[in-house]
mmCIF file of all heavy atoms, coordinates in Angstrom:
data_MODEL
# 
_entry.id   MODEL 
# 
loop_
_atom_site.group_PDB 
_atom_site.id 
_atom_site.type_symbol 
_atom_site.label_atom_id 
_atom_site.label_alt_id 
_atom_site.label_comp_id 
_atom_site.label_asym_id 
_atom_site.label_entity_id 
_atom_site.label_seq_id 
_atom_site.pdbx_PDB_ins_code 
_atom_site.Cartn_x 
_atom_site.Cartn_y 
_atom_site.Cartn_z 
_atom_site.occupancy 
_atom_site.B_iso_or_equiv 
_atom_site.pdbx_formal_charge 
_atom_site.auth_seq_id 
_atom_site.auth_comp_id 
_atom_site.auth_asym_id 
_atom_site.auth_atom_id 
_atom_site.pdbx_PDB_model_num 
ATOM 1   N N   . GLU A 1 1  ? 10.649 55.550 -94.539 1.00 0.00 ? 1  GLU A N   1 
ATOM 2   C CA  . GLU A 1 1  ? 10.469 56.908 -94.928 1.00 0.00 ? 1  GLU A CA  1 
ATOM 3   C C   . GLU A 1 1  ? 11.719 57.780 -94.577 1.00 0.00 ? 1  GLU A C   1 
ATOM 4   O O   . GLU A 1 1  ? 11.945 58.811 -95.187 1.00 0.00 ? 1  GLU A O   1 
ATOM 5   C CB  . GLU A 1 1  ? 9.278  57.459 -94.232 1.00 0.00 ? 1  GLU A CB  1 
ATOM 6   C CG  . GLU A 1 1  ? 7.941  56.862 -94.680 1.00 0.00 ? 1  GLU A CG  1 
ATOM 7   C CD  . GLU A 1 1  ? 6.738  57.478 -94.068 1.00 0.00 ? 1  GLU A CD  1 
ATOM 8   O OE1 . GLU A 1 1  ? 6.883  58.499 -93.349 1.00 0.00 ? 1  GLU A OE1 1 
ATOM 9   O OE2 . GLU A 1 1  ? 5.619  56.923 -94.207 1.00 0.00 ? 1  GLU A OE2 1 
ATOM 10  N N   . ASN A 1 2  ? 12.483 57.415 -93.508 1.00 0.00 ? 2  ASN A N   1 
ATOM 11  C CA  . ASN A 1 2  ? 13.560 58.268 -93.091 1.00 0.00 ? 2  ASN A CA  1 
ATOM 12  C C   . ASN A 1 2  ? 14.898 57.631 -93.127 1.00 0.00 ? 2  ASN A C   1 
ATOM 13  O O   . ASN A 1 2  ? 15.929 58.254 -92.809 1.00 0.00 ? 2  ASN A O   1 
ATOM 14  C CB  . ASN A 1 2  ? 13.259 58.690 -91.622 1.00 0.00 ? 2  ASN A CB  1 
ATOM 15  C CG  . ASN A 1 2  ? 11.873 59.367 -91.483 1.00 0.00 ? 2  ASN A CG  1 
ATOM 16  O OD1 . ASN A 1 2  ? 11.001 58.772 -90.908 1.00 0.00 ? 2  ASN A OD1 1 
ATOM 17  N ND2 . ASN A 1 2  ? 11.729 60.570 -91.948 1.00 0.00 ? 2  ASN A ND2 1 
ATOM 18  N N   . GLY A 1 3  ? 14.979 56.351 -93.545 1.00 0.00 ? 3  GLY A N   1 
ATOM 19  C CA  . GLY A 1 3  ? 16.300 55.673 -93.641 1.00 0.00 ? 3  GLY A CA  1 
ATOM 20  C C   . GLY A 1 3  ? 16.887 55.416 -92.253 1.00 0.00 ? 3  GLY A C   1 
ATOM 21  O O   . GLY A 1 3  ? 18.161 55.364 -92.170 1.00 0.00 ? 3  GLY A O   1 
ATOM 22  N N   . LEU A 1 4  ? 16.038 55.237 -91.234 1.00 0.00 ? 4  LEU A N   1 
ATOM 23  C CA  . LEU A 1 4  ? 16.573 54.969 -89.914 1.00 0.00 ? 4  LEU A CA  1 
ATOM 24  C C   . LEU A 1 4  ? 16.179 53.588 -89.397 1.00 0.00 ? 4  LEU A C   1 
ATOM 25  O O   . LEU A 1 4  ? 15.042 53.118 -89.602 1.00 0.00 ? 4  LEU A O   1 
ATOM 26  C CB  . LEU A 1 4  ? 15.969 56.053 -88.936 1.00 0.00 ? 4  LEU A CB  1 
ATOM 27  C CG  . LEU A 1 4  ? 16.267 57.480 -89.253 1.00 0.00 ? 4  LEU A CG  1 
ATOM 28  C CD1 . LEU A 1 4  ? 15.421 58.419 -88.388 1.00 0.00 ? 4  LEU A CD1 1 
ATOM 29  C CD2 . LEU A 1 4  ? 17.729 57.785 -89.033 1.00 0.00 ? 4  LEU A CD2 1 
ATOM 30  N N   . ASP A 1 5  ? 17.094 52.936 -88.823 1.00 0.00 ? 5  ASP A N   1 
ATOM 31  C CA  . ASP A 1 5  ? 16.908 51.572 -88.329 1.00 0.00 ? 5  ASP A CA  1 
ATOM 32  C C   . ASP A 1 5  ? 16.967 51.456 -86.847 1.00 0.00 ? 5  ASP A C   1 
ATOM 33  O O   . ASP A 1 5  ? 18.036 51.648 -86.244 1.00 0.00 ? 5  ASP A O   1 
ATOM 34  C CB  . ASP A 1 5  ? 17.970 50.677 -89.016 1.00 0.00 ? 5  ASP A CB  1 
ATOM 35  C CG  . ASP A 1 5  ? 17.591 49.204 -88.940 1.00 0.00 ? 5  ASP A CG  1 
ATOM 36  O OD1 . ASP A 1 5  ? 16.554 48.834 -88.350 1.00 0.00 ? 5  ASP A OD1 1 
ATOM 37  O OD2 . ASP A 1 5  ? 18.394 48.350 -89.453 1.00 0.00 ? 5  ASP A OD2 1 
ATOM 38  N N   . TYR A 1 6  ? 15.814 51.223 -86.179 1.00 0.00 ? 6  TYR A N   1 
ATOM 39  C CA  . TYR A 1 6  ? 15.774 51.162 -84.737 1.00 0.00 ? 6  TYR A CA  1 
ATOM 40  C C   . TYR A 1 6  ? 15.048 49.865 -84.313 1.00 0.00 ? 6  TYR A C   1 
ATOM 41  O O   . TYR A 1 6  ? 14.162 49.382 -84.975 1.00 0.00 ? 6  TYR A O   1 
ATOM 42  C CB  . TYR A 1 6  ? 14.962 52.300 -84.124 1.00 0.00 ? 6  TYR A CB  1 
ATOM 43  C CG  . TYR A 1 6  ? 15.587 53.703 -84.386 1.00 0.00 ? 6  TYR A CG  1 
ATOM 44  C CD1 . TYR A 1 6  ? 14.955 54.611 -85.174 1.00 0.00 ? 6  TYR A CD1 1 
ATOM 45  C CD2 . TYR A 1 6  ? 16.798 54.015 -83.800 1.00 0.00 ? 6  TYR A CD2 1 
ATOM 46  C CE1 . TYR A 1 6  ? 15.463 55.846 -85.383 1.00 0.00 ? 6  TYR A CE1 1 
ATOM 47  C CE2 . TYR A 1 6  ? 17.357 55.257 -84.027 1.00 0.00 ? 6  TYR A CE2 1 
ATOM 48  C CZ  . TYR A 1 6  ? 16.709 56.155 -84.817 1.00 0.00 ? 6  TYR A CZ  1 
ATOM 49  O OH  . TYR A 1 6  ? 17.270 57.390 -85.007 1.00 0.00 ? 6  TYR A OH  1 
ATOM 50  N N   . ALA A 1 7  ? 15.561 49.285 -83.205 1.00 0.00 ? 7  ALA A N   1 
ATOM 51  C CA  . ALA A 1 7  ? 14.952 48.077 -82.644 1.00 0.00 ? 7  ALA A CA  1 
ATOM 52  C C   . ALA A 1 7  ? 13.706 48.445 -81.923 1.00 0.00 ? 7  ALA A C   1 
ATOM 53  O O   . ALA A 1 7  ? 13.736 49.267 -80.951 1.00 0.00 ? 7  ALA A O   1 
ATOM 54  C CB  . ALA A 1 7  ? 15.915 47.355 -81.726 1.00 0.00 ? 7  ALA A CB  1 
ATOM 55  N N   . PRO A 1 8  ? 12.502 47.983 -82.323 1.00 0.00 ? 8  PRO A N   1 
ATOM 56  C CA  . PRO A 1 8  ? 11.269 48.386 -81.618 1.00 0.00 ? 8  PRO A CA  1 
ATOM 57  C C   . PRO A 1 8  ? 11.243 48.003 -80.190 1.00 0.00 ? 8  PRO A C   1 
ATOM 58  O O   . PRO A 1 8  ? 10.480 48.612 -79.376 1.00 0.00 ? 8  PRO A O   1 
ATOM 59  C CB  . PRO A 1 8  ? 10.194 47.684 -82.486 1.00 0.00 ? 8  PRO A CB  1 
ATOM 60  C CG  . PRO A 1 8  ? 10.849 46.576 -83.176 1.00 0.00 ? 8  PRO A CG  1 
ATOM 61  C CD  . PRO A 1 8  ? 12.245 47.022 -83.457 1.00 0.00 ? 8  PRO A CD  1 
ATOM 62  N N   . GLU A 1 9  ? 11.946 46.964 -79.794 1.00 0.00 ? 9  GLU A N   1 
ATOM 63  C CA  . GLU A 1 9  ? 11.973 46.516 -78.379 1.00 0.00 ? 9  GLU A CA  1 
ATOM 64  C C   . GLU A 1 9  ? 12.634 47.417 -77.442 1.00 0.00 ? 9  GLU A C   1 
ATOM 65  O O   . GLU A 1 9  ? 12.207 47.573 -76.267 1.00 0.00 ? 9  GLU A O   1 
ATOM 66  C CB  . GLU A 1 9  ? 12.575 45.078 -78.278 1.00 0.00 ? 9  GLU A CB  1 
ATOM 67  C CG  . GLU A 1 9  ? 11.786 44.009 -79.058 1.00 0.00 ? 9  GLU A CG  1 
ATOM 68  C CD  . GLU A 1 9  ? 12.207 44.028 -80.542 1.00 0.00 ? 9  GLU A CD  1 
ATOM 69  O OE1 . GLU A 1 9  ? 13.148 44.750 -80.947 1.00 0.00 ? 9  GLU A OE1 1 
ATOM 70  O OE2 . GLU A 1 9  ? 11.510 43.255 -81.322 1.00 0.00 ? 9  GLU A OE2 1 
ATOM 71  N N   . THR A 1 10 ? 13.736 48.062 -77.850 1.00 0.00 ? 10 THR A N   1 
ATOM 72  C CA  . THR A 1 10 ? 14.570 48.784 -76.950 1.00 0.00 ? 10 THR A CA  1 
ATOM 73  C C   . THR A 1 10 ? 14.934 50.261 -77.381 1.00 0.00 ? 10 THR A C   1 
ATOM 74  O O   . THR A 1 10 ? 15.516 51.036 -76.607 1.00 0.00 ? 10 THR A O   1 
ATOM 75  C CB  . THR A 1 10 ? 15.858 48.097 -76.664 1.00 0.00 ? 10 THR A CB  1 
ATOM 76  O OG1 . THR A 1 10 ? 16.546 47.870 -77.980 1.00 0.00 ? 10 THR A OG1 1 
ATOM 77  C CG2 . THR A 1 10 ? 15.607 46.752 -76.002 1.00 0.00 ? 10 THR A CG2 1 
ATOM 78  N N   . GLU A 1 11 ? 14.581 50.583 -78.611 1.00 0.00 ? 11 GLU A N   1 
ATOM 79  C CA  . GLU A 1 11 ? 15.053 51.912 -79.160 1.00 0.00 ? 11 GLU A CA  1 
ATOM 80  C C   . GLU A 1 11 ? 13.905 52.820 -79.517 1.00 0.00 ? 11 GLU A C   1 
ATOM 81  O O   . GLU A 1 11 ? 14.121 53.879 -80.080 1.00 0.00 ? 11 GLU A O   1 
ATOM 82  C CB  . GLU A 1 11 ? 15.973 51.677 -80.354 1.00 0.00 ? 11 GLU A CB  1 
ATOM 83  C CG  . GLU A 1 11 ? 17.278 51.002 -79.934 1.00 0.00 ? 11 GLU A CG  1 
ATOM 84  C CD  . GLU A 1 11 ? 18.272 50.876 -81.102 1.00 0.00 ? 11 GLU A CD  1 
ATOM 85  O OE1 . GLU A 1 11 ? 17.828 50.509 -82.191 1.00 0.00 ? 11 GLU A OE1 1 
ATOM 86  O OE2 . GLU A 1 11 ? 19.477 51.089 -80.855 1.00 0.00 ? 11 GLU A OE2 1 
ATOM 87  N N   . ILE A 1 12 ? 12.706 52.452 -79.154 1.00 0.00 ? 12 ILE A N   1 
ATOM 88  C CA  . ILE A 1 12 ? 11.500 53.287 -79.412 1.00 0.00 ? 12 ILE A CA  1 
ATOM 89  C C   . ILE A 1 12 ? 10.603 53.244 -78.176 1.00 0.00 ? 12 ILE A C   1 
ATOM 90  O O   . ILE A 1 12 ? 10.366 52.175 -77.608 1.00 0.00 ? 12 ILE A O   1 
ATOM 91  C CB  . ILE A 1 12 ? 10.696 52.807 -80.652 1.00 0.00 ? 12 ILE A CB  1 
ATOM 92  C CG1 . ILE A 1 12 ? 11.554 52.923 -81.897 1.00 0.00 ? 12 ILE A CG1 1 
ATOM 93  C CG2 . ILE A 1 12 ? 9.390  53.599 -80.782 1.00 0.00 ? 12 ILE A CG2 1 
ATOM 94  C CD1 . ILE A 1 12 ? 10.887 52.262 -83.091 1.00 0.00 ? 12 ILE A CD1 1 
ATOM 95  N N   . VAL A 1 13 ? 10.165 54.436 -77.692 1.00 0.00 ? 13 VAL A N   1 
ATOM 96  C CA  . VAL A 1 13 ? 9.275  54.465 -76.545 1.00 0.00 ? 13 VAL A CA  1 
ATOM 97  C C   . VAL A 1 13 ? 8.101  55.386 -76.973 1.00 0.00 ? 13 VAL A C   1 
ATOM 98  O O   . VAL A 1 13 ? 8.292  56.451 -77.561 1.00 0.00 ? 13 VAL A O   1 
ATOM 99  C CB  . VAL A 1 13 ? 9.934  54.966 -75.277 1.00 0.00 ? 13 VAL A CB  1 
ATOM 100 C CG1 . VAL A 1 13 ? 10.540 56.402 -75.450 1.00 0.00 ? 13 VAL A CG1 1 
ATOM 101 C CG2 . VAL A 1 13 ? 8.912  54.973 -74.158 1.00 0.00 ? 13 VAL A CG2 1 
ATOM 102 N N   . ILE A 1 14 ? 6.877  54.878 -76.753 1.00 0.00 ? 14 ILE A N   1 
ATOM 103 C CA  . ILE A 1 14 ? 5.621  55.610 -77.066 1.00 0.00 ? 14 ILE A CA  1 
ATOM 104 C C   . ILE A 1 14 ? 5.320  56.541 -75.920 1.00 0.00 ? 14 ILE A C   1 
ATOM 105 O O   . ILE A 1 14 ? 5.276  56.155 -74.759 1.00 0.00 ? 14 ILE A O   1 
ATOM 106 C CB  . ILE A 1 14 ? 4.487  54.694 -77.357 1.00 0.00 ? 14 ILE A CB  1 
ATOM 107 C CG1 . ILE A 1 14 ? 4.879  53.646 -78.491 1.00 0.00 ? 14 ILE A CG1 1 
ATOM 108 C CG2 . ILE A 1 14 ? 3.290  55.528 -77.817 1.00 0.00 ? 14 ILE A CG2 1 
ATOM 109 C CD1 . ILE A 1 14 ? 5.290  54.181 -79.792 1.00 0.00 ? 14 ILE A CD1 1 
ATOM 110 N N   . THR A 1 15 ? 5.041  57.804 -76.212 1.00 0.00 ? 15 THR A N   1 
ATOM 111 C CA  . THR A 1 15 ? 4.805  58.831 -75.214 1.00 0.00 ? 15 THR A CA  1 
ATOM 112 C C   . THR A 1 15 ? 3.470  59.501 -75.363 1.00 0.00 ? 15 THR A C   1 
ATOM 113 O O   . THR A 1 15 ? 2.804  59.361 -76.383 1.00 0.00 ? 15 THR A O   1 
ATOM 114 C CB  . THR A 1 15 ? 5.960  59.880 -75.247 1.00 0.00 ? 15 THR A CB  1 
ATOM 115 O OG1 . THR A 1 15 ? 5.951  60.521 -76.578 1.00 0.00 ? 15 THR A OG1 1 
ATOM 116 C CG2 . THR A 1 15 ? 7.318  59.240 -75.048 1.00 0.00 ? 15 THR A CG2 1 
ATOM 117 N N   . ALA A 1 16 ? 3.135  60.276 -74.387 1.00 0.00 ? 16 ALA A N   1 
ATOM 118 C CA  . ALA A 1 16 ? 1.871  61.039 -74.430 1.00 0.00 ? 16 ALA A CA  1 
ATOM 119 C C   . ALA A 1 16 ? 2.123  62.317 -75.281 1.00 0.00 ? 16 ALA A C   1 
ATOM 120 O O   . ALA A 1 16 ? 2.278  63.430 -74.763 1.00 0.00 ? 16 ALA A O   1 
ATOM 121 C CB  . ALA A 1 16 ? 1.400  61.378 -73.001 1.00 0.00 ? 16 ALA A CB  1 
ATOM 122 N N   . GLY A 1 17 ? 2.217  62.132 -76.553 1.00 0.00 ? 17 GLY A N   1 
ATOM 123 C CA  . GLY A 1 17 ? 2.506  63.227 -77.497 1.00 0.00 ? 17 GLY A CA  1 
ATOM 124 C C   . GLY A 1 17 ? 3.999  63.527 -77.489 1.00 0.00 ? 17 GLY A C   1 
ATOM 125 O O   . GLY A 1 17 ? 4.782  63.054 -76.662 1.00 0.00 ? 17 GLY A O   1 
ATOM 126 N N   . VAL A 1 18 ? 4.356  64.370 -78.461 1.00 0.00 ? 18 VAL A N   1 
ATOM 127 C CA  . VAL A 1 18 ? 5.742  64.784 -78.525 1.00 0.00 ? 18 VAL A CA  1 
ATOM 128 C C   . VAL A 1 18 ? 6.089  65.716 -77.333 1.00 0.00 ? 18 VAL A C   1 
ATOM 129 O O   . VAL A 1 18 ? 7.214  65.731 -76.855 1.00 0.00 ? 18 VAL A O   1 
ATOM 130 C CB  . VAL A 1 18 ? 6.057  65.554 -79.837 1.00 0.00 ? 18 VAL A CB  1 
ATOM 131 C CG1 . VAL A 1 18 ? 7.419  66.210 -79.851 1.00 0.00 ? 18 VAL A CG1 1 
ATOM 132 C CG2 . VAL A 1 18 ? 5.917  64.647 -81.019 1.00 0.00 ? 18 VAL A CG2 1 
ATOM 133 N N   . SER A 1 19 ? 5.100  66.302 -76.742 1.00 0.00 ? 19 SER A N   1 
ATOM 134 C CA  . SER A 1 19 ? 5.314  67.204 -75.562 1.00 0.00 ? 19 SER A CA  1 
ATOM 135 C C   . SER A 1 19 ? 5.926  66.374 -74.440 1.00 0.00 ? 19 SER A C   1 
ATOM 136 O O   . SER A 1 19 ? 6.954  66.796 -73.796 1.00 0.00 ? 19 SER A O   1 
ATOM 137 C CB  . SER A 1 19 ? 4.039  67.832 -75.099 1.00 0.00 ? 19 SER A CB  1 
ATOM 138 O OG  . SER A 1 19 ? 3.551  68.779 -76.072 1.00 0.00 ? 19 SER A OG  1 
ATOM 139 N N   . GLU A 1 20 ? 5.390  65.214 -74.168 1.00 0.00 ? 20 GLU A N   1 
ATOM 140 C CA  . GLU A 1 20 ? 6.004  64.370 -73.095 1.00 0.00 ? 20 GLU A CA  1 
ATOM 141 C C   . GLU A 1 20 ? 7.383  63.873 -73.507 1.00 0.00 ? 20 GLU A C   1 
ATOM 142 O O   . GLU A 1 20 ? 8.301  63.837 -72.730 1.00 0.00 ? 20 GLU A O   1 
ATOM 143 C CB  . GLU A 1 20 ? 5.164  63.185 -72.738 1.00 0.00 ? 20 GLU A CB  1 
ATOM 144 C CG  . GLU A 1 20 ? 5.583  62.507 -71.415 1.00 0.00 ? 20 GLU A CG  1 
ATOM 145 C CD  . GLU A 1 20 ? 5.325  61.046 -71.317 1.00 0.00 ? 20 GLU A CD  1 
ATOM 146 O OE1 . GLU A 1 20 ? 4.818  60.413 -72.309 1.00 0.00 ? 20 GLU A OE1 1 
ATOM 147 O OE2 . GLU A 1 20 ? 5.664  60.448 -70.294 1.00 0.00 ? 20 GLU A OE2 1 
ATOM 148 N N   . ALA A 1 21 ? 7.507  63.469 -74.758 1.00 0.00 ? 21 ALA A N   1 
ATOM 149 C CA  . ALA A 1 21 ? 8.822  62.999 -75.288 1.00 0.00 ? 21 ALA A CA  1 
ATOM 150 C C   . ALA A 1 21 ? 9.877  64.093 -75.119 1.00 0.00 ? 21 ALA A C   1 
ATOM 151 O O   . ALA A 1 21 ? 11.029 63.789 -74.744 1.00 0.00 ? 21 ALA A O   1 
ATOM 152 C CB  . ALA A 1 21 ? 8.740  62.610 -76.721 1.00 0.00 ? 21 ALA A CB  1 
ATOM 153 N N   . LEU A 1 22 ? 9.509  65.357 -75.380 1.00 0.00 ? 22 LEU A N   1 
ATOM 154 C CA  . LEU A 1 22 ? 10.428 66.440 -75.246 1.00 0.00 ? 22 LEU A CA  1 
ATOM 155 C C   . LEU A 1 22 ? 10.789 66.662 -73.824 1.00 0.00 ? 22 LEU A C   1 
ATOM 156 O O   . LEU A 1 22 ? 11.990 66.755 -73.430 1.00 0.00 ? 22 LEU A O   1 
ATOM 157 C CB  . LEU A 1 22 ? 9.784  67.739 -75.829 1.00 0.00 ? 22 LEU A CB  1 
ATOM 158 C CG  . LEU A 1 22 ? 10.509 69.081 -75.550 1.00 0.00 ? 22 LEU A CG  1 
ATOM 159 C CD1 . LEU A 1 22 ? 11.796 69.064 -76.298 1.00 0.00 ? 22 LEU A CD1 1 
ATOM 160 C CD2 . LEU A 1 22 ? 9.661  70.211 -75.937 1.00 0.00 ? 22 LEU A CD2 1 
ATOM 161 N N   . HIS A 1 23 ? 9.800  66.754 -72.911 1.00 0.00 ? 23 HIS A N   1 
ATOM 162 C CA  . HIS A 1 23 ? 10.033 66.875 -71.487 1.00 0.00 ? 23 HIS A CA  1 
ATOM 163 C C   . HIS A 1 23 ? 10.913 65.798 -70.958 1.00 0.00 ? 23 HIS A C   1 
ATOM 164 O O   . HIS A 1 23 ? 11.862 66.097 -70.250 1.00 0.00 ? 23 HIS A O   1 
ATOM 165 C CB  . HIS A 1 23 ? 8.665  66.923 -70.783 1.00 0.00 ? 23 HIS A CB  1 
ATOM 166 C CG  . HIS A 1 23 ? 8.789  67.278 -69.314 1.00 0.00 ? 23 HIS A CG  1 
ATOM 167 N ND1 . HIS A 1 23 ? 8.658  68.564 -68.893 1.00 0.00 ? 23 HIS A ND1 1 
ATOM 168 C CD2 . HIS A 1 23 ? 8.978  66.515 -68.265 1.00 0.00 ? 23 HIS A CD2 1 
ATOM 169 C CE1 . HIS A 1 23 ? 8.809  68.558 -67.526 1.00 0.00 ? 23 HIS A CE1 1 
ATOM 170 N NE2 . HIS A 1 23 ? 8.942  67.321 -67.150 1.00 0.00 ? 23 HIS A NE2 1 
ATOM 171 N N   . LEU A 1 24 ? 10.663 64.557 -71.265 1.00 0.00 ? 24 LEU A N   1 
ATOM 172 C CA  . LEU A 1 24 ? 11.408 63.422 -70.762 1.00 0.00 ? 24 LEU A CA  1 
ATOM 173 C C   . LEU A 1 24 ? 12.863 63.463 -71.320 1.00 0.00 ? 24 LEU A C   1 
ATOM 174 O O   . LEU A 1 24 ? 13.771 63.109 -70.627 1.00 0.00 ? 24 LEU A O   1 
ATOM 175 C CB  . LEU A 1 24 ? 10.755 62.127 -71.142 1.00 0.00 ? 24 LEU A CB  1 
ATOM 176 C CG  . LEU A 1 24 ? 9.393  61.841 -70.440 1.00 0.00 ? 24 LEU A CG  1 
ATOM 177 C CD1 . LEU A 1 24 ? 8.801  60.539 -70.952 1.00 0.00 ? 24 LEU A CD1 1 
ATOM 178 C CD2 . LEU A 1 24 ? 9.486  61.878 -68.992 1.00 0.00 ? 24 LEU A CD2 1 
ATOM 179 N N   . SER A 1 25 ? 13.001 63.887 -72.617 1.00 0.00 ? 25 SER A N   1 
ATOM 180 C CA  . SER A 1 25 ? 14.344 63.933 -73.178 1.00 0.00 ? 25 SER A CA  1 
ATOM 181 C C   . SER A 1 25 ? 15.194 64.913 -72.397 1.00 0.00 ? 25 SER A C   1 
ATOM 182 O O   . SER A 1 25 ? 16.400 64.664 -72.142 1.00 0.00 ? 25 SER A O   1 
ATOM 183 C CB  . SER A 1 25 ? 14.256 64.331 -74.650 1.00 0.00 ? 25 SER A CB  1 
ATOM 184 O OG  . SER A 1 25 ? 13.591 63.376 -75.408 1.00 0.00 ? 25 SER A OG  1 
ATOM 185 N N   . MET A 1 26 ? 14.642 66.078 -72.090 1.00 0.00 ? 26 MET A N   1 
ATOM 186 C CA  . MET A 1 26 ? 15.413 67.054 -71.345 1.00 0.00 ? 26 MET A CA  1 
ATOM 187 C C   . MET A 1 26 ? 15.726 66.568 -69.946 1.00 0.00 ? 26 MET A C   1 
ATOM 188 O O   . MET A 1 26 ? 16.859 66.699 -69.410 1.00 0.00 ? 26 MET A O   1 
ATOM 189 C CB  . MET A 1 26 ? 14.668 68.418 -71.252 1.00 0.00 ? 26 MET A CB  1 
ATOM 190 C CG  . MET A 1 26 ? 14.414 69.082 -72.634 1.00 0.00 ? 26 MET A CG  1 
ATOM 191 S SD  . MET A 1 26 ? 15.903 69.363 -73.593 1.00 0.00 ? 26 MET A SD  1 
ATOM 192 C CE  . MET A 1 26 ? 15.701 68.119 -74.853 1.00 0.00 ? 26 MET A CE  1 
ATOM 193 N N   . ALA A 1 27 ? 14.763 65.915 -69.244 1.00 0.00 ? 27 ALA A N   1 
ATOM 194 C CA  . ALA A 1 27 ? 14.958 65.412 -67.926 1.00 0.00 ? 27 ALA A CA  1 
ATOM 195 C C   . ALA A 1 27 ? 15.979 64.317 -67.858 1.00 0.00 ? 27 ALA A C   1 
ATOM 196 O O   . ALA A 1 27 ? 16.755 64.173 -66.939 1.00 0.00 ? 27 ALA A O   1 
ATOM 197 C CB  . ALA A 1 27 ? 13.615 64.896 -67.363 1.00 0.00 ? 27 ALA A CB  1 
ATOM 198 N N   . ALA A 1 28 ? 16.031 63.458 -68.943 1.00 0.00 ? 28 ALA A N   1 
ATOM 199 C CA  . ALA A 1 28 ? 16.903 62.315 -68.982 1.00 0.00 ? 28 ALA A CA  1 
ATOM 200 C C   . ALA A 1 28 ? 18.305 62.642 -69.458 1.00 0.00 ? 28 ALA A C   1 
ATOM 201 O O   . ALA A 1 28 ? 19.260 61.925 -69.058 1.00 0.00 ? 28 ALA A O   1 
ATOM 202 C CB  . ALA A 1 28 ? 16.314 61.221 -69.855 1.00 0.00 ? 28 ALA A CB  1 
ATOM 203 N N   . LEU A 1 29 ? 18.421 63.704 -70.233 1.00 0.00 ? 29 LEU A N   1 
ATOM 204 C CA  . LEU A 1 29 ? 19.727 63.952 -70.882 1.00 0.00 ? 29 LEU A CA  1 
ATOM 205 C C   . LEU A 1 29 ? 20.524 65.145 -70.278 1.00 0.00 ? 29 LEU A C   1 
ATOM 206 O O   . LEU A 1 29 ? 21.722 65.226 -70.494 1.00 0.00 ? 29 LEU A O   1 
ATOM 207 C CB  . LEU A 1 29 ? 19.540 64.201 -72.388 1.00 0.00 ? 29 LEU A CB  1 
ATOM 208 C CG  . LEU A 1 29 ? 18.861 63.078 -73.137 1.00 0.00 ? 29 LEU A CG  1 
ATOM 209 C CD1 . LEU A 1 29 ? 18.604 63.483 -74.593 1.00 0.00 ? 29 LEU A CD1 1 
ATOM 210 C CD2 . LEU A 1 29 ? 19.675 61.786 -73.075 1.00 0.00 ? 29 LEU A CD2 1 
# 
């Protein structure tokens, strides 16, 4: 759908909603 190629083993992490993904992104970056 988006033309993006990611390895499911190392390039995708499932989170508790986008809210957690957002919080973790700011904390990590």
